[in-house]
Amino acid sequence: MLDLKAKMKLAMEQALTASENRLEDGTVNWNFVDADVYMDVYGGVEQSDRNDNLFYQFFDELAFEMSA
């Protein structure tokens, strides 16, 4: 499972640098970051092979770490 979190961290770091993932005031649009990270991690993966609960647990942990 650490591989998933490591993969998500890399995808999130990339998504956070994308200008299209920022609001007009420069703050992060977390909905867009979420979409980018999800597609980077699970794009092309069968639904039955996805663990959305774990994804969002890790997403919340990483978002908290990176926004601190």
Protein backbone atom coordinates (compact mmCIF):
# COMPACT_ATOMS: atom_id res chain seq x y z
CA MET A 1 0.00 0.00 0.00
CA LEU A 2 2.94 2.33 0.45
CA ASP A 3 3.49 2.14 -3.29
CA LEU A 4 0.04 3.62 -3.79
CA LYS A 5 0.74 6.48 -1.38
CA ALA A 6 4.15 7.15 -2.97
CA LYS A 7 2.58 7.18 -6.43
CA MET A 8 -0.14 9.51 -5.20
CA LYS A 9 2.40 11.85 -3.62
CA LEU A 10 4.25 12.24 -6.91
CA ALA A 11 0.99 12.81 -8.79
CA MET A 12 -0.17 15.33 -6.20
CA GLU A 13 3.11 17.26 -6.32
CA GLN A 14 2.72 17.53 -10.07
CA ALA A 15 -0.96 18.49 -9.87
CA LEU A 16 -0.22 21.21 -7.33
CA THR A 17 2.16 22.92 -9.75
CA ALA A 18 -0.40 23.03 -12.58
CA SER A 19 -1.83 26.51 -13.03
CA GLU A 20 -5.20 25.09 -14.07
CA ASN A 21 -5.52 23.61 -10.57
CA ARG A 22 -5.52 27.05 -8.96
CA LEU A 23 -8.42 29.38 -8.30
CA GLU A 24 -8.33 33.03 -9.36
CA ASP A 25 -6.95 34.02 -5.95
CA GLY A 26 -4.11 31.51 -6.29
CA THR A 27 -5.39 28.98 -3.79
CA VAL A 28 -5.51 25.30 -4.65
CA ASN A 29 -8.63 23.92 -6.29
CA TRP A 30 -8.56 20.58 -4.47
CA ASN A 31 -11.36 19.17 -6.62
CA PHE A 32 -9.16 19.52 -9.70
CA VAL A 33 -6.12 18.14 -7.88
CA ASP A 34 -8.24 15.19 -6.76
CA ALA A 35 -9.31 14.51 -10.35
CA ASP A 36 -5.75 14.73 -11.68
CA VAL A 37 -4.33 12.45 -8.99
CA TYR A 38 -7.14 9.92 -9.39
CA MET A 39 -6.60 9.72 -13.14
CA ASP A 40 -2.83 9.43 -12.74
CA VAL A 41 -3.20 6.61 -10.23
CA TYR A 42 -6.25 4.76 -11.53
CA GLY A 43 -6.52 5.72 -15.19
CA GLY A 44 -6.90 2.49 -17.13
CA VAL A 45 -7.30 0.38 -13.98
CA GLU A 46 -10.39 -1.80 -13.73
CA GLN A 47 -12.94 -0.61 -11.17
CA SER A 48 -12.64 -3.90 -9.28
CA ASP A 49 -8.90 -3.27 -8.81
CA ARG A 50 -9.39 0.21 -7.31
CA ASN A 51 -9.52 0.92 -3.59
CA ASP A 52 -11.29 4.26 -3.35
CA ASN A 53 -11.46 4.22 0.45
CA LEU A 54 -7.70 3.86 0.71
CA PHE A 55 -7.17 6.40 -2.07
CA TYR A 56 -9.14 9.07 -0.23
CA GLN A 57 -7.54 8.22 3.10
CA PHE A 58 -4.12 8.76 1.53
CA PHE A 59 -5.34 11.80 -0.43
CA ASP A 60 -6.52 13.51 2.75
CA GLU A 61 -3.27 12.67 4.57
CA LEU A 62 -1.14 14.02 1.70
CA ALA A 63 -3.27 17.13 1.24
CA PHE A 64 -2.92 17.91 4.94
CA GLU A 65 0.87 17.37 4.81
CA MET A 66 1.35 19.45 1.67
CA SER A 67 -0.87 22.33 2.74
CA ALA A 68 0.75 22.68 6.16
